[in-house]
Amino acid sequence: MSKRFPRLDQLLVSLGYGSRREVQRMIKEMYVVRDDGVSVKEDDRVDPSLIRVAGEPLDHPEGILIALHKPLGYVCSHNDEEGRLIYELVPPQWLKRDPKLVTVGRLDKETSGLIILTDRSELVHHWTSPKKHVEKIYEVTLRDPVPEDLREVFASGTLMLKGESKPCLPAKLTFIDKHKVHLTLQEGKYHQVRRMFAACGNHVVKLHRLQFGKLSLEGIAVGEYRFIQISEVDA
């Protein structure tokens, strides 16, 4: 057995199957075996793809990567004192994984739409690195009609937000109707969409993220998620 694989008990704990003592008991009682039915020991180092727990393959031993359709009223936090958590929408076992399942960036409580969750830190860095300029597309509904010249203001790369020392990067504004637009950003400042329109004297009444990089909400119902293939991750 290759030493490049983790100990079996450590692997099961990291995937959220239980505490060290609990998974050791599972192994002892042959609740955990190889796919050929051969028993295993807690300190065995074995290919995760060969392990079965209650007859089922391990739950995504390579890591979790999902696109979730966040409903309004949910918060991107692990602190249940902040309200309803988006983590209530995924299997409870995932919340016991180590590394922890986290969101790539955040959407505030009053924003719906696409949010990515993963326990792979290199993917979080991949998407949040300022050097990447990953495009994010939002559907924005405004209180007041949106003037045509706002397209040039946002595209200029000169719009300053209150409390910021640098202007926003150029952003693309596409008009849907007088009160609704699609806004494409290459960065993710705090509450950026709302602050950009506020800086121009308008107020966002509804905000929904449609796309993140190459990923969209196609086929994902509100409150549901789908797994993302690594091939879908932006280069």
Protein backbone atom coordinates (compact mmCIF):
# COMPACT_ATOMS: atom_id res chain seq x y z
CA MET A 1 0.00 0.00 0.00
CA SER A 2 1.37 3.40 -1.00
CA LYS A 3 2.49 5.81 1.67
CA ARG A 4 1.18 8.68 -0.44
CA PHE A 5 -2.29 7.90 0.89
CA PRO A 6 -3.35 9.03 4.40
CA ARG A 7 -4.09 6.63 7.22
CA LEU A 8 -7.59 5.26 6.88
CA ASP A 9 -8.83 6.57 10.22
CA GLN A 10 -7.44 10.05 9.51
CA LEU A 11 -9.05 10.03 6.07
CA LEU A 12 -12.50 9.12 7.42
CA VAL A 13 -12.30 11.80 10.11
CA SER A 14 -11.30 14.43 7.51
CA LEU A 15 -14.31 13.47 5.37
CA GLY A 16 -16.74 13.95 8.25
CA TYR A 17 -17.58 10.34 9.04
CA GLY A 18 -17.08 10.87 12.76
CA SER A 19 -14.52 11.39 15.49
CA ARG A 20 -11.31 9.37 15.62
CA ARG A 21 -12.89 7.00 18.14
CA GLU A 22 -16.09 6.66 16.09
CA VAL A 23 -14.32 5.79 12.85
CA GLN A 24 -12.02 3.35 14.63
CA ARG A 25 -15.12 1.56 15.91
CA MET A 26 -16.63 1.57 12.40
CA ILE A 27 -13.47 -0.05 11.03
CA LYS A 28 -13.33 -2.63 13.82
CA GLU A 29 -16.96 -3.61 13.23
CA MET A 30 -16.24 -3.95 9.48
CA TYR A 31 -18.62 -1.13 8.63
CA VAL A 32 -15.64 0.03 6.57
CA VAL A 33 -14.04 -2.44 4.12
CA ARG A 34 -12.27 -2.51 0.77
CA ASP A 35 -14.35 -2.79 -2.37
CA ASP A 36 -13.45 -6.49 -2.61
CA GLY A 37 -14.81 -7.08 0.89
CA VAL A 38 -11.37 -7.46 2.50
CA SER A 39 -11.15 -5.97 6.00
CA VAL A 40 -8.94 -2.98 6.71
CA LYS A 41 -7.14 -1.59 9.74
CA GLU A 42 -7.21 1.94 11.07
CA ASP A 43 -3.56 2.60 10.21
CA ASP A 44 -3.79 1.18 6.69
CA ARG A 45 -2.84 3.51 3.85
CA VAL A 46 -5.11 2.61 0.98
CA ASP A 47 -6.43 4.24 -2.19
CA PRO A 48 -9.63 6.08 -1.12
CA SER A 49 -11.36 4.88 -4.30
CA LEU A 50 -11.13 1.29 -2.98
CA ILE A 51 -12.82 2.00 0.35
CA ARG A 52 -16.52 1.37 1.04
CA VAL A 53 -18.51 2.62 4.03
CA ALA A 54 -21.75 0.69 4.52
CA GLY A 55 -21.28 -0.57 0.98
CA GLU A 56 -20.98 2.92 -0.52
CA PRO A 57 -17.90 4.68 -1.98
CA LEU A 58 -16.35 7.45 0.09
CA ASP A 59 -18.11 10.82 -0.11
CA HIS A 60 -15.98 12.89 -2.50
CA PRO A 61 -12.52 12.12 -1.05
CA GLU A 62 -10.99 14.42 -3.68
CA GLY A 63 -12.86 17.40 -2.18
CA ILE A 64 -16.20 19.21 -2.49
CA LEU A 65 -16.79 21.78 -5.23
CA ILE A 66 -20.37 22.91 -5.87
CA ALA A 67 -22.37 25.75 -7.38
CA LEU A 68 -25.33 26.64 -5.16
CA HIS A 69 -28.38 28.77 -5.99
CA LYS A 70 -28.57 30.92 -2.86
CA PRO A 71 -32.07 32.00 -1.83
CA LEU A 72 -32.84 35.39 -0.35
CA GLY A 73 -32.60 35.57 3.43
CA TYR A 74 -29.64 33.21 3.82
CA VAL A 75 -26.20 34.31 4.99
CA CYS A 76 -22.77 33.08 3.90
CA SER A 77 -21.54 32.35 7.40
CA HIS A 78 -20.88 29.48 9.81
CA ASN A 79 -22.29 31.56 12.69
CA ASP A 80 -25.93 30.61 13.28
CA GLU A 81 -26.45 33.80 15.28
CA GLU A 82 -26.41 35.71 11.98
CA GLY A 83 -29.56 34.01 10.67
CA ARG A 84 -30.33 31.18 8.28
CA LEU A 85 -27.08 29.75 6.93
CA ILE A 86 -26.48 28.54 3.38
CA TYR A 87 -24.79 25.52 4.96
CA GLU A 88 -28.26 24.33 5.96
CA LEU A 89 -28.74 23.56 2.26
CA VAL A 90 -25.97 20.94 2.02
CA PRO A 91 -25.59 17.46 3.65
CA PRO A 92 -24.75 17.77 7.39
CA GLN A 93 -21.75 15.44 7.03
CA TRP A 94 -20.04 18.01 4.81
CA LEU A 95 -19.95 20.44 7.72
CA LYS A 96 -17.74 18.02 9.66
CA ARG A 97 -15.07 17.89 6.97
CA ASP A 98 -11.54 19.13 7.54
CA PRO A 99 -10.58 21.33 5.72
CA LYS A 100 -13.86 23.16 6.32
CA LEU A 101 -16.40 23.80 3.58
CA VAL A 102 -16.40 27.55 2.78
CA THR A 103 -17.81 29.95 0.21
CA VAL A 104 -15.74 31.60 -2.50
CA GLY A 105 -16.47 35.20 -1.57
CA ARG A 106 -19.87 36.10 -0.18
CA LEU A 107 -23.34 37.22 -1.14
CA ASP A 108 -25.15 39.30 1.49
CA LYS A 109 -28.44 38.25 3.06
CA GLU A 110 -30.54 40.27 0.60
CA THR A 111 -28.71 38.99 -2.50
CA SER A 112 -29.66 35.78 -4.27
CA GLY A 113 -27.95 33.76 -6.94
CA LEU A 114 -24.80 31.81 -7.68
CA ILE A 115 -22.35 31.07 -4.87
CA ILE A 116 -19.49 28.55 -5.00
CA LEU A 117 -18.64 26.33 -2.04
CA THR A 118 -15.53 24.20 -1.65
CA ASP A 119 -13.19 22.65 0.90
CA ARG A 120 -10.22 23.04 -1.45
CA SER A 121 -8.25 26.11 -0.41
CA GLU A 122 -6.31 26.31 -3.69
CA LEU A 123 -9.60 26.84 -5.54
CA VAL A 124 -10.67 29.60 -3.15
CA HIS A 125 -7.37 31.36 -3.88
CA HIS A 126 -7.73 30.69 -7.60
CA TRP A 127 -11.03 32.54 -7.79
CA THR A 128 -10.37 35.30 -5.25
CA SER A 129 -6.85 36.32 -6.30
CA PRO A 130 -6.95 39.99 -7.44
CA LYS A 131 -4.71 39.02 -10.37
CA LYS A 132 -7.36 36.75 -11.85
CA HIS A 133 -10.05 39.40 -12.61
CA VAL A 134 -12.75 36.71 -12.63
CA GLU A 135 -15.91 38.15 -14.18
CA LYS A 136 -19.12 38.11 -12.16
CA ILE A 137 -22.47 39.04 -13.71
CA TYR A 138 -25.32 40.46 -11.64
CA GLU A 139 -28.92 41.28 -12.47
CA VAL A 140 -29.71 44.55 -10.71
CA THR A 141 -33.11 46.17 -10.19
CA LEU A 142 -32.95 49.88 -9.30
CA ARG A 143 -35.32 52.25 -7.53
CA ASP A 144 -34.87 54.99 -10.14
CA PRO A 145 -34.51 54.78 -13.93
CA VAL A 146 -30.90 54.16 -14.98
CA PRO A 147 -29.48 56.93 -17.22
CA GLU A 148 -27.74 55.84 -20.42
CA ASP A 149 -24.56 57.73 -19.55
CA LEU A 150 -24.01 55.47 -16.54
CA ARG A 151 -22.64 52.90 -18.96
CA GLU A 152 -19.69 55.17 -19.70
CA VAL A 153 -19.20 56.06 -16.03
CA PHE A 154 -18.89 52.40 -15.02
CA ALA A 155 -16.71 51.53 -18.03
CA SER A 156 -14.28 54.37 -17.39
CA GLY A 157 -12.55 52.78 -14.41
CA THR A 158 -12.70 56.11 -12.55
CA LEU A 159 -15.67 55.57 -10.22
CA MET A 160 -14.59 56.03 -6.59
CA LEU A 161 -16.49 54.42 -3.73
CA LYS A 162 -16.72 55.97 -0.27
CA GLY A 163 -13.85 54.83 1.93
CA GLU A 164 -11.80 53.42 -0.97
CA SER A 165 -8.38 54.68 -2.08
CA LYS A 166 -8.56 53.26 -5.60
CA PRO A 167 -11.32 53.53 -8.21
CA CYS A 168 -13.36 50.53 -9.33
CA LEU A 169 -12.02 48.57 -12.26
CA PRO A 170 -13.93 49.09 -15.53
CA ALA A 171 -17.34 47.43 -15.39
CA LYS A 172 -19.80 46.56 -18.15
CA LEU A 173 -23.41 47.74 -17.91
CA THR A 174 -26.07 46.13 -20.11
CA PHE A 175 -29.58 47.62 -20.09
CA ILE A 176 -32.59 45.31 -19.76
CA ASP A 177 -35.17 48.06 -19.19
CA LYS A 178 -35.31 51.45 -17.43
CA HIS A 179 -34.97 49.95 -13.96
CA LYS A 180 -33.12 46.69 -14.63
CA VAL A 181 -29.54 46.11 -15.81
CA HIS A 182 -26.89 43.42 -15.97
CA LEU A 183 -23.59 44.47 -14.41
CA THR A 184 -20.33 42.63 -15.11
CA LEU A 185 -17.52 43.12 -12.57
CA GLN A 186 -13.91 41.93 -12.49
CA GLU A 187 -13.42 42.42 -8.75
CA GLY A 188 -15.29 41.92 -5.49
CA LYS A 189 -15.17 44.89 -3.16
CA TYR A 190 -17.43 44.86 -0.10
CA HIS A 191 -21.08 45.36 -1.20
CA GLN A 192 -19.63 46.70 -4.44
CA VAL A 193 -22.74 46.62 -6.65
CA ARG A 194 -24.90 48.44 -4.11
CA ARG A 195 -22.15 51.00 -3.41
CA MET A 196 -21.52 51.68 -7.09
CA PHE A 197 -25.12 52.64 -7.74
CA ALA A 198 -25.35 54.53 -4.44
CA ALA A 199 -22.32 56.58 -5.52
CA CYS A 200 -24.36 57.60 -8.56
CA GLY A 201 -27.46 58.53 -6.52
CA ASN A 202 -29.50 55.38 -7.08
CA HIS A 203 -30.61 52.52 -4.83
CA VAL A 204 -30.54 48.76 -5.48
CA VAL A 205 -33.88 47.15 -4.62
CA LYS A 206 -33.07 43.65 -5.90
CA LEU A 207 -29.75 41.96 -6.56
CA HIS A 208 -29.13 38.54 -8.10
CA ARG A 209 -25.85 36.98 -9.26
CA LEU A 210 -26.24 35.18 -12.57
CA GLN A 211 -22.71 34.06 -13.35
CA PHE A 212 -19.28 33.55 -11.77
CA GLY A 213 -16.48 33.04 -14.29
CA LYS A 214 -17.66 30.31 -16.66
CA LEU A 215 -20.22 29.03 -14.16
CA SER A 216 -23.92 29.86 -14.33
CA LEU A 217 -27.17 28.91 -12.58
CA GLU A 218 -28.43 26.90 -15.53
CA GLY A 219 -30.34 23.86 -14.29
CA ILE A 220 -29.99 24.75 -10.58
CA ALA A 221 -33.27 25.44 -8.74
CA VAL A 222 -33.38 27.91 -5.83
CA GLY A 223 -31.86 26.30 -2.74
CA GLU A 224 -30.30 23.47 -4.78
CA TYR A 225 -26.74 22.84 -5.98
CA ARG A 226 -24.75 20.92 -8.55
CA PHE A 227 -21.23 19.54 -8.49
CA ILE A 228 -18.60 21.39 -10.53
CA GLN A 229 -16.06 19.52 -12.62
CA ILE A 230 -12.49 20.79 -12.44
CA SER A 231 -12.65 21.28 -16.22
CA GLU A 232 -15.19 24.06 -15.57
CA VAL A 233 -12.76 26.02 -13.40
CA ASP A 234 -11.41 29.08 -15.20
CA ALA A 235 -7.80 28.75 -16.26
